[in-house]
Amino acid sequence: MKKQLLAGLLTIAVAAAALTGCGSSGKDEKEWPEKAITFVCPWSAGGDTDFNIRTLAKYVEKELDATITIVNTTGGGGSVASNDVKNQKNDGYTFLAFDSAIALNKASGVTDFGYEAFEPVAMYAKSTGEFIVVRADYPVDTVQELVDYSKEHPGEIKFAANTGGTSYFAATKLKEIGADFNIVNSGSSSERVASLLGNHIDVSINSMGVIEQYIETGELKVLGNMATELPEAYSDYSLVKDEGIDLAYDLVYNLLAPKDTDAEIIEKLSSAIEKVVKENADYAEEIKTAYGQTPYVLTGEEMVKAFQAEDDMYMEYADEFQSAQ
């Protein structure tokens, strides 16, 4: 009888311990994020990609109740940052905040990988266009005039275009119609503006938020917008494609995670981003004021399709990009 009672007590004790263990495991296990998150931006502070990820992060922090740190890792047309993040632990604490240049890095041979080397989180913003800009006293007023002027002065016009960037794609497309530029690598968006103002280059490509103050002061002028559609905020500037020039693309900003990052983490972060972009009026006002942007976000299958479309468009020029280096 005593043995039976002892056995029963032991069974109860083991069961209780198991239940306690399950309960404590659930209680002690911390949900992501339990420490600071890092978003790595491939471009220096002051440019459009940096602005967009910093603005988004500020609002996503509140949604996740977490700290997000922005790290600017520049170099190699963005490839230094993408290689760095690709090789990070897939623990959900390091992400790549890039843009359309990730597809161009691959097409130009700067890297041997594109978005497919990561877990896509979100396409969280879209530019109102990249503008071809020159100093106000430069003797051209349209993109076609710039092309014609380059033919008259072959190799003399210093055109800022980063290998593996959208600016290089633009230069390549203009070359198709006979432009003859001296391609100069001039760094990030903000650095290109400084070089333009300092007469170190003649032509730059920038988002409006970076150049608007210089347009207003009369130091710079816009030749055309390379967006696929005329943005409401900057409808005074004509589209390059409306000059009959086959040059139109959209610059989108994306967030990527190292391969095989937990799907639940990806989902939680992408949901937080969607909520900010779609519902937060303060966020919408901030991107409108700074860059004339309207909220834009893609996640899931729509995002993957958009990535593939970008990849296909730029890979058409892979041979030309790589032979020109």
Protein backbone atom coordinates (compact mmCIF):
# COMPACT_ATOMS: atom_id res chain seq x y z
CA MET A 1 0.00 0.00 0.00
CA LYS A 2 2.82 2.35 0.92
CA LYS A 3 4.62 1.49 -2.34
CA GLN A 4 1.49 2.26 -4.34
CA LEU A 5 1.05 5.58 -2.53
CA LEU A 6 4.70 6.49 -3.07
CA ALA A 7 4.47 5.61 -6.77
CA GLY A 8 1.36 7.74 -7.12
CA LEU A 9 3.02 10.70 -5.43
CA LEU A 10 6.06 10.37 -7.69
CA THR A 11 3.83 10.31 -10.77
CA ILE A 12 2.04 13.44 -9.61
CA ALA A 13 5.35 15.15 -8.85
CA VAL A 14 6.78 14.32 -12.28
CA ALA A 15 3.63 15.54 -14.01
CA ALA A 16 3.65 18.75 -11.98
CA ALA A 17 7.31 19.31 -12.78
CA ALA A 18 6.58 18.82 -16.47
CA LEU A 19 3.71 21.28 -16.37
CA THR A 20 5.81 23.75 -14.43
CA GLY A 21 8.61 23.34 -16.95
CA CYS A 22 6.27 24.05 -19.84
CA GLY A 23 4.84 27.04 -18.11
CA SER A 24 8.21 28.51 -17.19
CA SER A 25 9.55 27.89 -20.68
CA GLY A 26 6.72 29.89 -22.20
CA LYS A 27 7.13 32.57 -19.58
CA ASP A 28 10.91 32.89 -19.83
CA GLU A 29 11.12 32.70 -23.62
CA LYS A 30 11.43 36.25 -24.92
CA GLU A 31 9.71 37.20 -28.13
CA TRP A 32 11.60 38.92 -30.96
CA PRO A 33 12.94 41.54 -30.72
CA GLU A 34 14.71 41.24 -27.39
CA LYS A 35 17.62 43.54 -28.31
CA ALA A 36 18.43 46.38 -30.70
CA ILE A 37 17.93 45.82 -34.42
CA THR A 38 20.36 47.11 -37.05
CA PHE A 39 19.38 48.39 -40.49
CA VAL A 40 22.45 48.66 -42.73
CA CYS A 41 22.22 51.39 -45.38
CA PRO A 42 24.68 51.15 -48.32
CA TRP A 43 24.77 54.91 -48.87
CA SER A 44 26.00 57.78 -46.71
CA ALA A 45 23.74 59.94 -44.57
CA GLY A 46 21.91 62.77 -46.30
CA GLY A 47 20.69 60.90 -49.36
CA ASP A 48 17.28 59.54 -50.29
CA THR A 49 17.87 55.90 -49.32
CA ASP A 50 19.23 56.97 -45.94
CA PHE A 51 16.31 59.36 -45.40
CA ASN A 52 13.71 56.73 -46.25
CA ILE A 53 15.05 54.04 -43.96
CA ARG A 54 15.64 56.43 -41.06
CA THR A 55 12.12 57.81 -41.36
CA LEU A 56 10.56 54.35 -41.57
CA ALA A 57 12.65 53.02 -38.68
CA LYS A 58 11.52 55.82 -36.40
CA TYR A 59 7.90 54.70 -36.70
CA VAL A 60 8.58 50.94 -36.83
CA GLU A 61 10.42 51.24 -33.51
CA LYS A 62 7.13 52.22 -31.89
CA GLU A 63 5.25 49.36 -33.50
CA LEU A 64 7.80 46.79 -32.31
CA ASP A 65 8.65 48.52 -29.02
CA ALA A 66 12.29 48.14 -30.00
CA THR A 67 15.41 50.15 -30.78
CA ILE A 68 16.53 50.31 -34.41
CA THR A 69 20.01 51.55 -35.25
CA ILE A 70 20.91 52.77 -38.75
CA VAL A 71 24.46 51.97 -39.85
CA ASN A 72 25.83 53.53 -43.06
CA THR A 73 28.23 51.05 -44.67
CA THR A 74 29.32 52.63 -47.93
CA GLY A 75 31.45 51.52 -50.87
CA GLY A 76 31.32 49.46 -54.03
CA GLY A 77 28.05 50.91 -55.28
CA GLY A 78 26.32 49.37 -52.27
CA SER A 79 28.02 45.99 -52.56
CA VAL A 80 30.10 46.39 -49.39
CA ALA A 81 26.92 46.63 -47.31
CA SER A 82 25.07 43.86 -49.16
CA ASN A 83 27.99 41.45 -48.79
CA ASP A 84 28.25 42.33 -45.12
CA VAL A 85 24.58 41.69 -44.36
CA LYS A 86 24.44 38.57 -46.54
CA ASN A 87 27.10 37.03 -44.33
CA GLN A 88 25.56 38.07 -41.01
CA LYS A 89 23.83 35.67 -38.64
CA ASN A 90 20.22 35.11 -39.65
CA ASP A 91 19.01 35.81 -36.11
CA GLY A 92 16.67 38.66 -37.04
CA TYR A 93 18.81 41.53 -35.80
CA THR A 94 20.59 42.71 -38.95
CA PHE A 95 18.83 43.82 -42.14
CA LEU A 96 19.86 45.45 -45.42
CA ALA A 97 18.11 48.73 -46.29
CA PHE A 98 18.89 48.99 -50.01
CA ASP A 99 17.13 50.20 -53.15
CA SER A 100 16.87 49.25 -56.84
CA ALA A 101 20.67 49.28 -57.09
CA ILE A 102 20.77 45.76 -55.67
CA ALA A 103 19.54 44.47 -59.05
CA LEU A 104 22.02 46.71 -60.87
CA ASN A 105 24.90 45.48 -58.70
CA LYS A 106 24.18 41.99 -59.99
CA ALA A 107 23.66 43.03 -63.61
CA SER A 108 26.92 45.00 -63.71
CA GLY A 109 28.94 42.22 -62.09
CA VAL A 110 29.71 44.23 -58.95
CA THR A 111 28.20 41.28 -57.09
CA ASP A 112 27.27 37.78 -58.20
CA PHE A 113 23.95 37.91 -56.35
CA GLY A 114 20.81 40.01 -56.10
CA TYR A 115 17.70 40.07 -53.97
CA GLU A 116 17.44 36.26 -54.22
CA ALA A 117 20.39 35.93 -51.83
CA PHE A 118 18.20 37.38 -49.06
CA GLU A 119 14.81 36.98 -47.46
CA PRO A 120 12.68 39.89 -48.73
CA VAL A 121 10.92 41.80 -45.95
CA ALA A 122 9.26 44.71 -47.77
CA MET A 123 9.45 47.20 -50.60
CA TYR A 124 8.54 50.06 -48.34
CA ALA A 125 8.84 53.25 -50.40
CA LYS A 126 9.06 54.56 -53.97
CA SER A 127 10.84 57.67 -55.19
CA THR A 128 9.04 60.42 -57.08
CA GLY A 129 11.73 59.95 -59.69
CA GLU A 130 15.41 60.48 -60.22
CA PHE A 131 16.20 63.78 -61.93
CA ILE A 132 18.97 64.60 -64.37
CA VAL A 133 20.40 67.84 -63.03
CA VAL A 134 23.11 70.33 -64.05
CA ARG A 135 24.36 73.68 -62.81
CA ALA A 136 22.02 76.55 -63.65
CA ASP A 137 24.46 78.12 -66.12
CA TYR A 138 25.11 74.91 -68.06
CA PRO A 139 24.34 75.46 -71.78
CA VAL A 140 21.53 72.86 -72.10
CA ASP A 141 17.92 72.81 -70.92
CA THR A 142 16.68 69.36 -71.92
CA VAL A 143 18.04 65.83 -71.93
CA GLN A 144 18.08 65.75 -75.72
CA GLU A 145 20.11 68.97 -75.75
CA LEU A 146 22.52 67.33 -73.28
CA VAL A 147 22.93 64.34 -75.61
CA ASP A 148 23.51 66.60 -78.60
CA TYR A 149 25.98 68.73 -76.67
CA SER A 150 27.93 65.62 -75.67
CA LYS A 151 28.23 64.68 -79.36
CA GLU A 152 29.68 68.10 -80.07
CA HIS A 153 32.08 67.77 -77.10
CA PRO A 154 32.85 64.02 -77.02
CA GLY A 155 34.26 62.78 -73.73
CA GLU A 156 34.29 66.24 -72.16
CA ILE A 157 31.08 66.15 -70.11
CA LYS A 158 31.69 64.64 -66.68
CA PHE A 159 28.61 62.53 -65.95
CA ALA A 160 28.35 61.16 -62.39
CA ALA A 161 27.37 57.50 -62.56
CA ASN A 162 28.17 54.84 -60.00
CA THR A 163 28.94 51.40 -61.37
CA GLY A 164 26.14 49.15 -60.20
CA GLY A 165 23.75 52.05 -59.57
CA THR A 166 20.69 53.48 -61.32
CA SER A 167 22.80 56.41 -62.49
CA TYR A 168 24.93 53.98 -64.52
CA PHE A 169 21.80 52.52 -66.07
CA ALA A 170 20.72 56.03 -67.10
CA ALA A 171 24.13 56.75 -68.62
CA THR A 172 23.98 53.47 -70.53
CA LYS A 173 20.52 54.22 -71.93
CA LEU A 174 21.64 57.69 -73.06
CA LYS A 175 24.70 56.14 -74.67
CA GLU A 176 22.30 54.06 -76.80
CA ILE A 177 21.10 57.25 -78.49
CA GLY A 178 24.60 58.57 -79.09
CA ALA A 179 25.61 60.39 -75.91
CA ASP A 180 29.37 60.55 -75.37
CA PHE A 181 30.10 61.19 -71.68
CA ASN A 182 33.11 60.93 -69.43
CA ILE A 183 31.65 58.68 -66.71
CA VAL A 184 32.83 59.72 -63.24
CA ASN A 185 32.13 57.78 -60.04
CA SER A 186 31.12 60.42 -57.50
CA GLY A 187 29.73 58.47 -54.55
CA SER A 188 26.36 58.88 -52.87
CA SER A 189 23.53 61.21 -53.80
CA SER A 190 24.61 63.93 -51.39
CA GLU A 191 28.24 63.62 -52.48
CA ARG A 192 27.24 63.99 -56.14
CA VAL A 193 25.46 67.26 -55.38
CA ALA A 194 28.56 68.60 -53.63
CA SER A 195 30.69 67.61 -56.62
CA LEU A 196 28.25 69.27 -59.01
CA LEU A 197 28.20 72.51 -57.05
CA GLY A 198 31.98 72.42 -56.83
CA ASN A 199 32.38 72.04 -60.63
CA HIS A 200 33.98 68.62 -60.25
CA ILE A 201 31.25 67.04 -62.39
CA ASP A 202 28.81 68.46 -64.95
CA VAL A 203 25.79 66.17 -64.72
CA SER A 204 24.28 64.39 -61.75
CA ILE A 205 21.28 62.18 -61.04
CA ASN A 206 19.40 62.78 -57.79
CA SER A 207 16.07 62.53 -56.06
CA MET A 208 14.34 65.87 -55.64
CA GLY A 209 14.67 65.95 -51.86
CA VAL A 210 18.45 66.21 -52.21
CA ILE A 211 18.49 68.94 -54.85
CA GLU A 212 15.33 70.97 -54.21
CA GLN A 213 16.99 73.65 -52.09
CA TYR A 214 19.56 74.28 -54.83
CA ILE A 215 16.83 74.49 -57.46
CA GLU A 216 15.10 77.12 -55.33
CA THR A 217 18.31 79.15 -54.90
CA GLY A 218 18.94 79.02 -58.65
CA GLU A 219 22.22 77.11 -58.38
CA LEU A 220 20.98 73.99 -60.18
CA LYS A 221 18.39 73.18 -62.83
CA VAL A 222 16.53 70.02 -63.80
CA LEU A 223 16.67 68.63 -67.33
CA GLY A 224 14.13 65.87 -66.80
CA ASN A 225 12.61 63.24 -64.51
CA MET A 226 13.28 59.58 -65.30
CA ALA A 227 10.22 58.21 -63.46
CA THR A 228 7.68 56.07 -65.31
CA GLU A 229 4.82 58.41 -64.32
CA LEU A 230 4.67 62.13 -63.59
CA PRO A 231 4.47 62.60 -59.80
CA GLU A 232 1.89 65.05 -58.51
CA ALA A 233 4.42 66.75 -56.24
CA TYR A 234 6.80 67.58 -59.11
CA SER A 235 4.51 67.87 -62.11
CA ASP A 236 6.35 71.02 -63.26
CA TYR A 237 9.28 68.88 -64.42
CA SER A 238 8.81 66.89 -67.62
CA LEU A 239 9.48 63.18 -67.93
CA VAL A 240 12.51 62.18 -69.97
CA LYS A 241 10.40 59.63 -71.84
CA ASP A 242 8.14 62.47 -73.00
CA GLU A 243 11.10 63.78 -75.02
CA GLY A 244 10.89 60.54 -76.97
CA ILE A 245 13.89 59.08 -75.11
CA ASP A 246 13.60 55.47 -73.95
CA LEU A 247 14.63 56.09 -70.35
CA ALA A 248 12.11 55.43 -67.58
CA TYR A 249 12.40 53.51 -64.33
CA ASP A 250 11.22 53.73 -60.73
CA LEU A 251 13.58 53.76 -57.80
CA VAL A 252 12.17 51.66 -54.96
CA TYR A 253 13.52 51.17 -51.46
CA ASN A 254 13.61 47.74 -49.89
CA LEU A 255 14.44 45.91 -46.69
CA LEU A 256 16.09 42.48 -46.84
CA ALA A 257 17.16 39.89 -44.26
CA PRO A 258 19.95 37.31 -44.37
CA LYS A 259 18.88 34.04 -46.00
CA ASP A 260 16.87 31.64 -43.83
CA THR A 261 15.91 34.23 -41.24
CA ASP A 262 12.94 32.93 -39.25
CA ALA A 263 9.73 33.40 -41.26
CA GLU A 264 7.87 34.56 -38.14
CA ILE A 265 10.38 37.39 -37.68
CA ILE A 266 10.03 38.39 -41.33
CA GLU A 267 6.25 38.40 -40.98
CA LYS A 268 6.29 40.44 -37.78
CA LEU A 269 8.61 43.06 -39.25
CA SER A 270 6.84 43.28 -42.60
CA SER A 271 3.48 43.64 -40.83
CA ALA A 272 4.85 46.48 -38.71
CA ILE A 273 6.15 48.19 -41.85
CA GLU A 274 2.82 47.77 -43.64
CA LYS A 275 0.99 49.28 -40.70
CA VAL A 276 3.25 52.33 -40.61
CA VAL A 277 3.11 52.94 -44.36
CA LYS A 278 -0.61 52.36 -44.76
CA GLU A 279 -1.97 53.85 -41.55
CA ASN A 280 0.44 56.36 -40.01
CA ALA A 281 -0.49 59.89 -41.08
CA ASP A 282 2.64 61.40 -39.51
CA TYR A 283 4.85 59.11 -41.57
CA ALA A 284 2.94 59.99 -44.75
CA GLU A 285 3.31 63.70 -44.06
CA GLU A 286 7.03 63.39 -43.36
CA ILE A 287 7.90 61.65 -46.63
CA LYS A 288 5.66 64.04 -48.56
CA THR A 289 7.29 67.12 -47.04
CA ALA A 290 10.84 65.91 -47.59
CA TYR A 291 10.62 64.11 -50.94
CA GLY A 292 7.10 64.59 -52.32
CA GLN A 293 6.52 60.85 -51.89
CA THR A 294 3.23 59.09 -51.26
CA PRO A 295 2.98 55.91 -49.16
CA TYR A 296 3.97 52.77 -51.06
CA VAL A 297 4.52 49.25 -49.78
CA LEU A 298 4.68 45.73 -51.20
CA THR A 299 5.12 42.51 -49.24
CA GLY A 300 4.75 38.80 -49.91
CA GLU A 301 4.21 37.55 -53.46
CA GLU A 302 3.64 41.05 -54.91
CA MET A 303 7.03 42.13 -53.59
CA VAL A 304 8.80 39.06 -55.03
CA LYS A 305 7.21 39.69 -58.44
CA ALA A 306 8.36 43.31 -58.35
CA PHE A 307 11.90 42.22 -57.48
CA GLN A 308 11.91 39.77 -60.39
CA ALA A 309 10.65 42.43 -62.80
CA GLU A 310 13.47 44.77 -61.77
CA ASP A 311 15.98 41.97 -62.09
CA ASP A 312 14.77 41.12 -65.59
CA MET A 313 14.88 44.75 -66.75
CA TYR A 314 18.43 45.41 -65.64
CA MET A 315 19.83 42.00 -66.59
CA GLU A 316 19.02 42.84 -70.22
CA TYR A 317 21.98 45.23 -70.03
CA ALA A 318 24.33 42.93 -68.12
CA ASP A 319 26.73 42.37 -71.04
CA GLU A 320 26.94 46.07 -71.81
CA PHE A 321 27.40 47.05 -68.16
CA GLN A 322 30.21 44.56 -67.68
CA SER A 323 31.99 45.23 -70.98
CA ALA A 324 32.14 48.93 -70.19
CA GLN A 325 34.15 48.40 -67.01
